[in-house]
Amino acid sequence: MAETMVTVVGNVATSVDYRDTAAGGVAKFRLAARARRWDREKATWADGPTSFYSVSAWRTLGANLAASVAVGDPLVVHGRLKVREEEWEGQRRTFVDIDAVAAGHDLTRGTSAFRRAARPDTHLTERQETVADGEMAPNTAPTGELVG
């Protein structure tokens, strides 16, 4: 079954809650999106109902969201849509979740100053080579040279 990917434009409705877990850090918050339609009879914009989405963002995206986003910020969120039904206070309720793969400020409504995040330690991703005595030694290839 294919995943359903969505892009939602809205406003951050709750503060971003960031937690470290065994699977990596995760940021969670609610996003409010309201449709606006042009009312021809009144010649004005009319607000439609507000939809709320629970957004989860894992690892680096989650940490960057927690450091960059505040309640009320206009945001664009792209991710996997998940709809679930649960019994809540005696009633059947539908919840809509987004597992974010990308997010950023909505620049049609303001400006933003981007700051590149520090790169993680490269020693965690370097290839190791075996030396004669069986120990592992870091790859010492000169810069720009590929080691096969």
C-alpha atoms as a PDB file:
ATOM      1  CA  MET A   1       0.000   0.000   0.000  1.00  0.00           C
ATOM      2  CA  ALA A   2       1.440   3.384  -0.994  1.00  0.00           C
ATOM      3  CA  GLU A   3       1.847   6.142   1.577  1.00  0.00           C
ATOM      4  CA  THR A   4      -0.232   9.289   1.220  1.00  0.00           C
ATOM      5  CA  MET A   5       1.994  12.371   1.135  1.00  0.00           C
ATOM      6  CA  VAL A   6       0.472  15.786   1.880  1.00  0.00           C
ATOM      7  CA  THR A   7       1.590  19.383   2.102  1.00  0.00           C
ATOM      8  CA  VAL A   8      -0.303  21.534   4.600  1.00  0.00           C
ATOM      9  CA  VAL A   9      -0.005  25.297   5.054  1.00  0.00           C
ATOM     10  CA  GLY A  10      -1.108  26.619   8.428  1.00  0.00           C
ATOM     11  CA  ASN A  11      -0.078  28.087  11.755  1.00  0.00           C
ATOM     12  CA  VAL A  12       1.642  26.429  14.693  1.00  0.00           C
ATOM     13  CA  ALA A  13      -1.132  25.983  17.272  1.00  0.00           C
ATOM     14  CA  THR A  14       0.834  24.575  20.240  1.00  0.00           C
ATOM     15  CA  SER A  15       4.405  24.873  21.455  1.00  0.00           C
ATOM     16  CA  VAL A  16       6.821  22.354  20.000  1.00  0.00           C
ATOM     17  CA  ASP A  17       7.487  19.521  22.468  1.00  0.00           C
ATOM     18  CA  TYR A  18      10.906  17.972  21.777  1.00  0.00           C
ATOM     19  CA  ARG A  19      11.976  14.730  23.463  1.00  0.00           C
ATOM     20  CA  ASP A  20      14.882  12.345  23.087  1.00  0.00           C
ATOM     21  CA  THR A  21      13.759   8.736  22.549  1.00  0.00           C
ATOM     22  CA  ALA A  22      15.527   5.442  21.907  1.00  0.00           C
ATOM     23  CA  ALA A  23      14.672   5.836  18.194  1.00  0.00           C
ATOM     24  CA  GLY A  24      16.040   9.411  18.084  1.00  0.00           C
ATOM     25  CA  GLY A  25      14.694  12.819  19.044  1.00  0.00           C
ATOM     26  CA  VAL A  26      11.132  13.718  18.112  1.00  0.00           C
ATOM     27  CA  ALA A  27       9.311  17.061  18.034  1.00  0.00           C
ATOM     28  CA  LYS A  28       5.511  17.119  18.290  1.00  0.00           C
ATOM     29  CA  PHE A  29       3.102  20.000  17.828  1.00  0.00           C
ATOM     30  CA  ARG A  30      -0.350  20.845  16.451  1.00  0.00           C
ATOM     31  CA  LEU A  31      -0.818  22.687  13.157  1.00  0.00           C
ATOM     32  CA  ALA A  32      -4.000  24.656  12.426  1.00  0.00           C
ATOM     33  CA  ALA A  33      -5.037  25.145   8.794  1.00  0.00           C
ATOM     34  CA  ARG A  34      -7.997  27.246   7.725  1.00  0.00           C
ATOM     35  CA  ALA A  35      -9.367  27.392   4.203  1.00  0.00           C
ATOM     36  CA  ARG A  36     -10.256  30.830   2.848  1.00  0.00           C
ATOM     37  CA  ARG A  37     -12.681  31.317   0.012  1.00  0.00           C
ATOM     38  CA  TRP A  38     -13.714  34.357  -1.998  1.00  0.00           C
ATOM     39  CA  ASP A  39     -17.403  35.134  -1.337  1.00  0.00           C
ATOM     40  CA  ARG A  40     -18.695  36.658  -4.601  1.00  0.00           C
ATOM     41  CA  GLU A  41     -21.946  37.880  -3.086  1.00  0.00           C
ATOM     42  CA  LYS A  42     -20.227  39.840  -0.304  1.00  0.00           C
ATOM     43  CA  ALA A  43     -17.055  40.565  -2.322  1.00  0.00           C
ATOM     44  CA  THR A  44     -14.889  39.593   0.637  1.00  0.00           C
ATOM     45  CA  TRP A  45     -12.802  36.676   1.833  1.00  0.00           C
ATOM     46  CA  ALA A  46     -14.606  34.196   4.083  1.00  0.00           C
ATOM     47  CA  ASP A  47     -12.887  31.845   6.501  1.00  0.00           C
ATOM     48  CA  GLY A  48     -13.837  28.202   6.393  1.00  0.00           C
ATOM     49  CA  PRO A  49     -13.554  25.718   9.248  1.00  0.00           C
ATOM     50  CA  THR A  50     -10.173  25.124  10.885  1.00  0.00           C
ATOM     51  CA  SER A  51      -8.565  21.689  10.578  1.00  0.00           C
ATOM     52  CA  PHE A  52      -6.019  20.582  13.178  1.00  0.00           C
ATOM     53  CA  TYR A  53      -3.174  18.162  12.497  1.00  0.00           C
ATOM     54  CA  SER A  54      -0.815  16.491  14.968  1.00  0.00           C
ATOM     55  CA  VAL A  55       2.684  16.759  13.503  1.00  0.00           C
ATOM     56  CA  SER A  56       5.664  14.565  14.439  1.00  0.00           C
ATOM     57  CA  ALA A  57       9.159  15.315  13.163  1.00  0.00           C
ATOM     58  CA  TRP A  58      12.035  12.954  13.902  1.00  0.00           C
ATOM     59  CA  ARG A  59      15.776  13.374  14.413  1.00  0.00           C
ATOM     60  CA  THR A  60      17.416  16.450  12.822  1.00  0.00           C
ATOM     61  CA  LEU A  61      14.153  17.879  11.457  1.00  0.00           C
ATOM     62  CA  GLY A  62      12.598  17.640  14.918  1.00  0.00           C
ATOM     63  CA  ALA A  63      15.542  19.335  16.625  1.00  0.00           C
ATOM     64  CA  ASN A  64      15.608  22.123  14.028  1.00  0.00           C
ATOM     65  CA  LEU A  65      11.837  22.682  14.333  1.00  0.00           C
ATOM     66  CA  ALA A  66      12.096  22.896  18.120  1.00  0.00           C
ATOM     67  CA  ALA A  67      14.837  25.535  17.776  1.00  0.00           C
ATOM     68  CA  SER A  68      13.100  27.532  15.014  1.00  0.00           C
ATOM     69  CA  VAL A  69       9.326  27.487  15.476  1.00  0.00           C
ATOM     70  CA  ALA A  70       6.991  29.238  17.920  1.00  0.00           C
ATOM     71  CA  VAL A  71       3.231  29.285  18.449  1.00  0.00           C
ATOM     72  CA  GLY A  72       1.518  31.333  15.743  1.00  0.00           C
ATOM     73  CA  ASP A  73       4.300  30.958  13.152  1.00  0.00           C
ATOM     74  CA  PRO A  74       3.072  30.349   9.595  1.00  0.00           C
ATOM     75  CA  LEU A  75       4.421  26.977   8.493  1.00  0.00           C
ATOM     76  CA  VAL A  76       4.455  24.663   5.483  1.00  0.00           C
ATOM     77  CA  VAL A  77       4.643  20.966   6.460  1.00  0.00           C
ATOM     78  CA  HIS A  78       5.165  18.094   4.013  1.00  0.00           C
ATOM     79  CA  GLY A  79       4.884  14.492   5.168  1.00  0.00           C
ATOM     80  CA  ARG A  80       3.070  11.181   5.450  1.00  0.00           C
ATOM     81  CA  LEU A  81      -0.638  11.445   6.275  1.00  0.00           C
ATOM     82  CA  LYS A  82      -2.021   9.056   8.878  1.00  0.00           C
ATOM     83  CA  VAL A  83      -5.698   8.962   9.833  1.00  0.00           C
ATOM     84  CA  ARG A  84      -6.783   7.016  12.897  1.00  0.00           C
ATOM     85  CA  GLU A  85     -10.018   6.495  14.774  1.00  0.00           C
ATOM     86  CA  GLU A  86     -10.139   6.054  18.529  1.00  0.00           C
ATOM     87  CA  GLU A  87     -12.664   5.903  21.312  1.00  0.00           C
ATOM     88  CA  TRP A  88     -12.270   9.085  23.371  1.00  0.00           C
ATOM     89  CA  GLU A  89     -14.527  10.036  26.285  1.00  0.00           C
ATOM     90  CA  GLY A  90     -17.181   7.615  25.091  1.00  0.00           C
ATOM     91  CA  GLN A  91     -17.236   8.926  21.525  1.00  0.00           C
ATOM     92  CA  ARG A  92     -15.610   7.703  18.341  1.00  0.00           C
ATOM     93  CA  ARG A  93     -13.116  10.365  17.184  1.00  0.00           C
ATOM     94  CA  THR A  94     -10.983  10.765  14.074  1.00  0.00           C
ATOM     95  CA  PHE A  95      -7.421  12.030  14.447  1.00  0.00           C
ATOM     96  CA  VAL A  96      -5.241  13.210  11.569  1.00  0.00           C
ATOM     97  CA  ASP A  97      -1.472  12.960  11.999  1.00  0.00           C
ATOM     98  CA  ILE A  98       1.408  14.025   9.767  1.00  0.00           C
ATOM     99  CA  ASP A  99       4.822  12.381  10.017  1.00  0.00           C
ATOM    100  CA  ALA A 100       6.846  15.328   8.665  1.00  0.00           C
ATOM    101  CA  VAL A 101       9.697  14.860   6.195  1.00  0.00           C
ATOM    102  CA  ALA A 102      10.148  18.603   5.517  1.00  0.00           C
ATOM    103  CA  ALA A 103       8.927  21.829   7.110  1.00  0.00           C
ATOM    104  CA  GLY A 104       9.640  25.532   6.932  1.00  0.00           C
ATOM    105  CA  HIS A 105       8.224  28.978   7.472  1.00  0.00           C
ATOM    106  CA  ASP A 106       5.614  30.176   4.959  1.00  0.00           C
ATOM    107  CA  LEU A 107       7.488  33.028   3.283  1.00  0.00           C
ATOM    108  CA  THR A 108       4.354  34.394   1.615  1.00  0.00           C
ATOM    109  CA  ARG A 109       3.504  35.790   5.061  1.00  0.00           C
ATOM    110  CA  GLY A 110       6.858  37.041   6.303  1.00  0.00           C
ATOM    111  CA  THR A 111      10.626  36.731   6.178  1.00  0.00           C
ATOM    112  CA  SER A 112      12.961  34.223   7.757  1.00  0.00           C
ATOM    113  CA  ALA A 113      16.701  34.118   8.433  1.00  0.00           C
ATOM    114  CA  PHE A 114      18.181  30.702   7.668  1.00  0.00           C
ATOM    115  CA  ARG A 115      21.088  29.410   9.725  1.00  0.00           C
ATOM    116  CA  ARG A 116      22.782  26.198   8.616  1.00  0.00           C
ATOM    117  CA  ALA A 117      22.927  23.640  11.423  1.00  0.00           C
ATOM    118  CA  ALA A 118      26.327  22.345  12.491  1.00  0.00           C
ATOM    119  CA  ARG A 119      27.256  19.084  10.784  1.00  0.00           C
ATOM    120  CA  PRO A 120      27.392  15.977  12.962  1.00  0.00           C
ATOM    121  CA  ASP A 121      30.759  14.443  13.844  1.00  0.00           C
ATOM    122  CA  THR A 122      32.152  12.745  10.741  1.00  0.00           C
ATOM    123  CA  HIS A 123      33.938  10.054  12.749  1.00  0.00           C
ATOM    124  CA  LEU A 124      30.561   8.331  13.117  1.00  0.00           C
ATOM    125  CA  THR A 125      30.211   7.907   9.352  1.00  0.00           C
ATOM    126  CA  GLU A 126      33.829   7.407   8.240  1.00  0.00           C
ATOM    127  CA  ARG A 127      34.752   4.077   6.719  1.00  0.00           C
ATOM    128  CA  GLN A 128      37.102   1.991   8.849  1.00  0.00           C
ATOM    129  CA  GLU A 129      40.004  -0.080   7.447  1.00  0.00           C
ATOM    130  CA  THR A 130      41.575  -3.111   9.049  1.00  0.00           C
ATOM    131  CA  VAL A 131      45.253  -2.790   9.943  1.00  0.00           C
ATOM    132  CA  ALA A 132      47.735  -5.696  10.086  1.00  0.00           C
ATOM    133  CA  ASP A 133      47.246  -6.478  13.785  1.00  0.00           C
ATOM    134  CA  GLY A 134      43.451  -6.717  13.384  1.00  0.00           C
ATOM    135  CA  GLU A 135      42.605  -3.317  14.916  1.00  0.00           C
ATOM    136  CA  MET A 136      40.346  -0.843  13.144  1.00  0.00           C
ATOM    137  CA  ALA A 137      41.922   2.425  11.988  1.00  0.00           C
ATOM    138  CA  PRO A 138      40.148   5.458  10.517  1.00  0.00           C
ATOM    139  CA  ASN A 139      40.328   5.974   6.767  1.00  0.00           C
ATOM    140  CA  THR A 140      43.262   8.287   6.018  1.00  0.00           C
ATOM    141  CA  ALA A 141      42.705   8.978   2.323  1.00  0.00           C
ATOM    142  CA  PRO A 142      43.699  12.501   1.173  1.00  0.00           C
ATOM    143  CA  THR A 143      40.836  14.969   0.661  1.00  0.00           C
ATOM    144  CA  GLY A 144      39.070  14.532  -2.657  1.00  0.00           C
ATOM    145  CA  GLU A 145      40.388  11.016  -3.199  1.00  0.00           C
ATOM    146  CA  LEU A 146      37.862   8.202  -3.141  1.00  0.00           C
ATOM    147  CA  VAL A 147      38.766   5.031  -1.315  1.00  0.00           C
ATOM    148  CA  GLY A 148      37.268   1.933  -2.914  1.00  0.00           C
END
